[in-house]
C-alpha cells in the first residue's frame, strides 16, 4: 500500500539512469519511514539507511552489535514507503563470505537499490573513529565477489566501502579501490576522506561510481553539493544529520516540559496534526476505505 508507484525494479532502474547522467545524487539518512516520506517530498534523489542510526535508535553504539535482520527489516520499512531509491549500510556483510551472499540476498529482497560492505574486522568501529582494523585486500575481494555473485538484479548496487585511509593512508586506499572495482564492485565508498584533494585522487584512480559521506563531527571536511559535483562524485549521503537534529530537539523539549510542567510554549516548534496527516496520506486512506465499503446490501441477504 503506502500509495507508492515505483516498485523495487523501477527504483533501481531510475537510480542507474541518474548515476549515468553524472548528476550528484543527494541521499539524506532516514531514521524512520515517516522521515523517508519527507525526504521524497522535499525533492531529494534518494534515501540512505545508516547502520549507525539503526544501532543508535536501538540504544546501541555503532560497533557491529546489530544483526542482519534488524538492519534489513528497518531498510525494508523505509524503502517501501517512498518512490525514491534507497541505499543501506550492511556493515561488514554480517559475517564472512557465505554470510555476505546471504546479506545481499536479504537486502535485495527488502526492496533497497544497493548496500555497502566495508573492509573492517568485526566488531567494527564507526568510520570516523581512530583505531580501526581492516581485513586484507584478498579477504575483501572474496567478500565482494561473493556479493556480486549473489545478486539477482543486475541493477542492484554492490558498494565496496574502504576504511583504509585512516589506517594505511591514501596510497594504499587507492590500491584497495582499484582491487575492489576489479573484483566487481559497482560503486566505491571511500570513508573518512579528509578534504577535496583526497577526493580528487580517488576520482582520478577509477571510473567507478563514488559515494561521499558528509557526516558531521568526523574526519571529513564538510563540502557543499557544488564542490562535490565539481569533484565528479556521484552520491552524497548525510547519514546521521536528521537523527542528530531530531534528538537535540527532543532533548531540549523534554527539559522544557520537565522544568515548566507543560508543553504549551513548545507548540510552535511542533509539526501540526494537519501536516502529519498530509504526510501519511490520511485522506487517501480514507477514500480507499470508503470505496471498499461502498456497496449495496440488496441481493446479499
Protein backbone atom coordinates (compact mmCIF):
# COMPACT_ATOMS: atom_id res chain seq x y z
CA UNK A 1 0.00 0.00 0.00
CA UNK A 2 1.51 3.38 1.02
CA UNK A 3 0.43 4.72 -2.43
CA UNK A 4 3.92 4.20 -3.86
CA UNK A 5 4.05 3.89 -7.65
CA UNK A 6 7.57 2.60 -8.25
CA UNK A 7 8.46 -0.99 -7.37
CA UNK A 8 11.99 -2.02 -6.45
CA UNK A 9 12.94 -2.88 -10.03
CA UNK A 10 11.84 0.53 -11.25
CA UNK A 11 13.65 2.30 -8.41
CA UNK A 12 16.89 0.53 -9.32
CA UNK A 13 16.49 1.44 -12.97
CA UNK A 14 15.89 5.07 -12.01
CA UNK A 15 18.98 5.09 -9.81
CA UNK A 16 21.24 3.64 -12.51
CA UNK A 17 19.88 6.11 -15.05
CA UNK A 18 20.52 9.03 -12.69
CA UNK A 19 24.02 7.81 -11.89
CA UNK A 20 24.89 7.57 -15.57
CA UNK A 21 23.66 11.14 -16.07
CA UNK A 22 26.61 12.24 -13.89
CA UNK A 23 24.38 14.26 -11.59
CA UNK A 24 25.26 14.45 -7.91
CA UNK A 25 22.55 12.49 -6.12
CA UNK A 26 21.69 13.53 -2.57
CA UNK A 27 20.70 10.82 -0.08
CA UNK A 28 19.81 12.09 3.41
CA UNK A 29 19.67 9.42 6.10
CA UNK A 30 16.19 8.42 7.25
CA UNK A 31 15.78 7.17 10.81
CA UNK A 32 12.17 6.15 10.17
CA UNK A 33 9.76 5.54 7.27
CA UNK A 34 7.99 8.83 8.01
CA UNK A 35 11.26 10.70 7.55
CA UNK A 36 11.79 8.91 4.21
CA UNK A 37 8.44 10.28 3.02
CA UNK A 38 9.54 13.78 3.98
CA UNK A 39 12.86 13.34 2.15
CA UNK A 40 10.96 12.45 -1.02
CA UNK A 41 8.50 15.32 -0.63
CA UNK A 42 11.36 17.80 -0.22
CA UNK A 43 12.83 16.80 -3.58
CA UNK A 44 15.93 14.74 -2.82
CA UNK A 45 17.07 11.98 -5.18
CA UNK A 46 17.33 9.13 -2.71
CA UNK A 47 17.19 7.83 0.86
CA UNK A 48 20.01 6.37 2.92
CA UNK A 49 19.69 3.87 5.80
CA UNK A 50 22.65 4.21 8.16
CA UNK A 51 23.79 1.29 10.27
CA UNK A 52 24.88 3.75 12.94
CA UNK A 53 21.42 5.31 13.01
CA UNK A 54 19.74 1.90 13.33
CA UNK A 55 22.10 0.98 16.16
CA UNK A 56 21.60 4.32 17.90
CA UNK A 57 17.83 4.01 17.58
CA UNK A 58 18.09 0.67 19.40
CA UNK A 59 20.13 2.36 22.14
CA UNK A 60 23.36 0.72 20.97
CA UNK A 61 26.76 2.04 19.84
CA UNK A 62 27.80 1.51 16.23
CA UNK A 63 30.21 -1.39 16.87
CA UNK A 64 28.63 -4.24 14.94
CA UNK A 65 26.06 -5.28 17.56
CA UNK A 66 23.08 -5.06 15.23
CA UNK A 67 22.01 -8.10 13.22
CA UNK A 68 21.21 -8.64 9.56
CA UNK A 69 17.52 -8.97 10.42
CA UNK A 70 17.40 -5.76 12.46
CA UNK A 71 19.07 -3.63 9.80
CA UNK A 72 17.43 -5.18 6.73
CA UNK A 73 13.98 -5.03 8.33
CA UNK A 74 14.40 -1.32 9.03
CA UNK A 75 15.69 -0.79 5.48
CA UNK A 76 12.61 -2.55 4.13
CA UNK A 77 10.26 -0.46 6.27
CA UNK A 78 11.91 2.72 4.99
CA UNK A 79 12.28 1.80 1.31
CA UNK A 80 8.70 0.61 0.82
CA UNK A 81 7.08 3.97 1.71
CA UNK A 82 8.89 6.03 -0.91
CA UNK A 83 9.27 6.15 -4.68
CA UNK A 84 12.92 7.10 -4.20
CA UNK A 85 15.79 4.60 -4.41
CA UNK A 86 17.16 3.56 -1.04
CA UNK A 87 20.73 2.52 -0.21
CA UNK A 88 21.52 0.69 3.01
CA UNK A 89 24.52 0.13 5.26
CA UNK A 90 25.40 -3.57 5.58
CA UNK A 91 28.38 -3.10 7.90
CA UNK A 92 30.94 -5.87 7.28
CA UNK A 93 28.41 -8.08 5.50
CA UNK A 94 27.30 -9.60 8.81
CA UNK A 95 29.91 -12.32 8.62
CA UNK A 96 32.26 -13.96 6.17
CA UNK A 97 31.97 -14.90 2.50
CA UNK A 98 28.81 -17.00 2.69
CA UNK A 99 27.20 -14.52 5.08
CA UNK A 100 27.87 -11.72 2.59
CA UNK A 101 25.98 -13.62 -0.09
CA UNK A 102 23.01 -14.03 2.24
CA UNK A 103 23.23 -10.36 3.19
CA UNK A 104 22.95 -9.31 -0.45
CA UNK A 105 20.03 -11.67 -0.99
CA UNK A 106 18.21 -10.29 2.07
CA UNK A 107 18.76 -6.63 1.18
CA UNK A 108 17.80 -7.18 -2.44
CA UNK A 109 14.56 -8.86 -1.30
CA UNK A 110 13.92 -5.94 1.08
CA UNK A 111 13.47 -3.62 -1.89
CA UNK A 112 16.53 -1.41 -1.47
CA UNK A 113 18.62 -0.49 -4.51
CA UNK A 114 22.01 -1.34 -3.09
CA UNK A 115 24.05 -1.78 0.06
CA UNK A 116 27.64 -1.24 1.08
CA UNK A 117 30.01 -3.67 2.75
CA UNK A 118 33.15 -2.42 4.48
CA UNK A 119 36.65 -3.84 4.86
CA UNK A 120 36.83 -3.66 8.65
CA UNK A 121 37.23 -6.54 11.06
CA UNK A 122 34.15 -7.37 13.10
CA UNK A 123 33.47 -5.95 15.67
CA UNK A 124 33.74 -2.82 13.55
CA UNK A 125 34.01 0.79 14.61
CA UNK A 126 32.39 3.97 13.37
CA UNK A 127 34.23 5.05 10.23
CA UNK A 128 35.31 8.34 11.80
CA UNK A 129 36.85 6.91 14.96
CA UNK A 130 40.50 6.01 15.48
CA UNK A 131 42.00 2.54 15.98
CA UNK A 132 40.03 0.81 13.24
CA UNK A 133 41.31 -2.54 11.99
CA UNK A 134 40.88 -3.64 8.40
CA UNK A 135 40.95 -7.03 6.75
CA UNK A 136 43.36 -7.97 3.97
CA UNK A 137 42.70 -6.95 0.38
CA UNK A 138 42.36 -10.61 -0.52
CA UNK A 139 39.69 -11.27 2.09
CA UNK A 140 37.71 -8.22 1.00
CA UNK A 141 37.92 -9.27 -2.65
CA UNK A 142 36.39 -12.62 -1.69
CA UNK A 143 33.52 -10.80 0.04
CA UNK A 144 32.90 -8.58 -2.97
CA UNK A 145 32.92 -11.48 -5.42
CA UNK A 146 30.53 -13.38 -3.18
CA UNK A 147 28.22 -10.35 -3.01
CA UNK A 148 28.27 -9.76 -6.77
CA UNK A 149 27.56 -13.43 -7.44
CA UNK A 150 24.61 -13.42 -5.02
CA UNK A 151 22.64 -10.55 -6.54
CA UNK A 152 19.84 -11.38 -8.97
CA UNK A 153 19.01 -7.91 -10.28
CA UNK A 154 21.86 -6.55 -12.39
CA UNK A 155 20.92 -3.02 -11.25
CA UNK A 156 21.31 -3.81 -7.56
CA UNK A 157 24.43 -1.93 -6.43
CA UNK A 158 27.18 -3.77 -4.58
CA UNK A 159 29.07 -0.92 -2.92
CA UNK A 160 32.54 -1.53 -1.51
CA UNK A 161 33.44 0.72 1.39
CA UNK A 162 37.07 1.02 2.40
CA UNK A 163 38.17 2.33 5.79
CA UNK A 164 41.84 2.19 4.85
CA UNK A 165 42.50 5.93 4.68
CA UNK A 166 42.93 6.48 8.42
CA UNK A 167 44.68 3.12 8.84
CA UNK A 168 47.05 2.72 5.89
CA UNK A 169 46.91 6.11 4.17
CA UNK A 170 45.59 7.33 0.84
CA UNK A 171 48.02 5.48 -1.44
CA UNK A 172 47.02 2.06 -0.12
CA UNK A 173 43.39 3.18 -0.08
CA UNK A 174 43.65 3.81 -3.82
CA UNK A 175 45.26 0.39 -4.31
CA UNK A 176 42.33 -1.17 -2.50
CA UNK A 177 39.81 0.81 -4.54
CA UNK A 178 41.31 -0.48 -7.79
CA UNK A 179 41.28 -4.05 -6.49
CA UNK A 180 37.68 -3.78 -5.30
CA UNK A 181 36.50 -2.43 -8.66
CA UNK A 182 38.35 -5.24 -10.44
CA UNK A 183 36.55 -7.70 -8.15
CA UNK A 184 33.19 -6.40 -9.41
CA UNK A 185 32.12 -3.63 -7.04
CA UNK A 186 29.60 -1.30 -8.73
CA UNK A 187 30.44 1.67 -6.54
CA UNK A 188 33.19 2.72 -4.14
CA UNK A 189 32.64 4.34 -0.74
CA UNK A 190 35.97 5.79 0.45
CA UNK A 191 35.35 6.50 4.11
CA UNK A 192 36.90 9.38 6.07
CA UNK A 193 38.32 11.35 3.16
CA UNK A 194 39.78 14.46 4.75
CA UNK A 195 39.44 17.08 2.01
CA UNK A 196 38.93 17.91 -1.66
CA UNK A 197 42.45 16.79 -2.61
CA UNK A 198 41.86 13.27 -1.34
CA UNK A 199 38.55 13.03 -3.18
CA UNK A 200 40.31 14.27 -6.32
CA UNK A 201 42.89 11.50 -6.12
CA UNK A 202 40.21 8.88 -5.57
CA UNK A 203 38.22 10.18 -8.54
CA UNK A 204 41.31 10.07 -10.76
CA UNK A 205 42.08 6.44 -9.90
CA UNK A 206 38.81 4.87 -11.06
CA UNK A 207 35.86 5.22 -13.41
CA UNK A 208 33.54 3.54 -10.92
CA UNK A 209 30.73 5.43 -9.22
CA UNK A 210 31.87 7.08 -5.97
CA UNK A 211 29.86 7.77 -2.82
CA UNK A 212 30.87 10.58 -0.45
CA UNK A 213 29.98 10.64 3.23
CA UNK A 214 29.31 14.11 4.63
CA UNK A 215 28.78 13.19 8.25
CA UNK A 216 29.14 15.81 10.98
CA UNK A 217 31.78 15.90 13.74
CA UNK A 218 34.02 13.46 11.87
CA UNK A 219 37.29 13.46 9.98
CA UNK A 220 35.91 14.75 6.67
CA UNK A 221 35.68 18.40 5.75
CA UNK A 222 32.02 19.21 5.11
CA UNK A 223 31.79 20.06 1.41
CA UNK A 224 28.90 21.66 -0.44
CA UNK A 225 26.96 19.89 -3.17
CA UNK A 226 28.57 22.23 -5.69
CA UNK A 227 32.05 21.23 -4.53
CA UNK A 228 31.19 17.53 -4.56
CA UNK A 229 29.71 17.76 -8.05
CA UNK A 230 32.79 19.58 -9.32
CA UNK A 231 34.92 16.77 -7.90
CA UNK A 232 32.99 14.32 -10.07
CA UNK A 233 31.36 12.40 -7.23
CA UNK A 234 28.10 10.56 -7.79
CA UNK A 235 26.25 10.23 -4.47
CA UNK A 236 26.49 12.15 -1.22
CA UNK A 237 24.98 10.79 1.99
CA UNK A 238 24.08 12.69 5.15
CA UNK A 239 23.74 9.60 7.35
CA UNK A 240 23.10 10.86 10.88
CA UNK A 241 22.15 14.50 10.24
CA UNK A 242 18.41 14.18 10.69
CA UNK A 243 18.66 11.91 13.73
CA UNK A 244 21.05 14.36 15.37
CA UNK A 245 18.70 17.26 14.71
CA UNK A 246 15.69 15.31 15.96
CA UNK A 247 17.39 14.08 19.13
CA UNK A 248 18.64 17.56 20.01
CA UNK A 249 15.09 18.87 19.64
CA UNK A 250 13.66 16.03 21.73
CA UNK A 251 16.28 16.55 24.42
CA UNK A 252 15.60 20.29 24.62
CA UNK A 253 11.83 19.81 24.68
CA UNK A 254 11.96 17.19 27.43
CA UNK A 255 13.98 19.55 29.60
CA UNK A 256 11.46 22.31 28.93
CA UNK A 257 8.46 20.17 29.89
CA UNK A 258 10.28 18.89 32.99
CA UNK A 259 11.03 22.45 34.06
CA UNK A 260 7.73 24.16 33.13
CA UNK A 261 5.29 21.34 33.80
CA UNK A 262 3.59 21.73 30.41
CA UNK A 263 4.30 21.85 26.67
CA UNK A 264 2.26 24.95 25.80
CA UNK A 265 5.31 27.02 24.85
CA UNK A 266 6.53 24.27 22.52
CA UNK A 267 3.53 24.11 20.19
CA UNK A 268 5.15 26.48 17.69
CA UNK A 269 8.04 24.00 17.29
CA UNK A 270 5.78 21.02 16.62
CA UNK A 271 4.56 19.51 13.39
CA UNK A 272 0.80 20.05 13.41
CA UNK A 273 -1.77 17.28 13.27
CA UNK A 274 -2.86 18.60 9.86
CA UNK A 275 0.69 18.44 8.48
CA UNK A 276 1.23 14.93 9.84
CA UNK A 277 -1.98 13.72 8.22
CA UNK A 278 -0.85 15.19 4.89
CA UNK A 279 2.44 13.35 5.11
CA UNK A 280 0.90 9.95 5.88
CA UNK A 281 -1.78 10.32 3.16
CA UNK A 282 -4.61 10.21 5.67
CA UNK A 283 -7.13 11.46 3.09
CA UNK A 284 -6.15 8.83 0.52
CA UNK A 285 -6.56 6.04 3.05
CA UNK A 286 -9.99 7.37 4.00
CA UNK A 287 -11.05 7.47 0.34
CA UNK A 288 -9.69 3.96 -0.17
CA UNK A 289 -11.68 2.71 2.82
CA UNK A 290 -14.92 4.32 1.57
CA UNK A 291 -14.51 2.65 -1.82
CA UNK A 292 -14.15 -0.77 -0.22
CA UNK A 293 -17.34 -0.47 1.79
CA UNK A 294 -19.32 1.33 -0.87
CA UNK A 295 -21.79 -1.40 -1.84
CA UNK A 296 -25.49 -2.12 -1.66
CA UNK A 297 -26.95 -4.70 0.72
CA UNK A 298 -29.64 -5.65 -1.83
CA UNK A 299 -29.23 -9.17 -3.02
CA UNK A 300 -26.78 -10.07 -0.27
CA UNK A 301 -29.34 -11.24 2.31
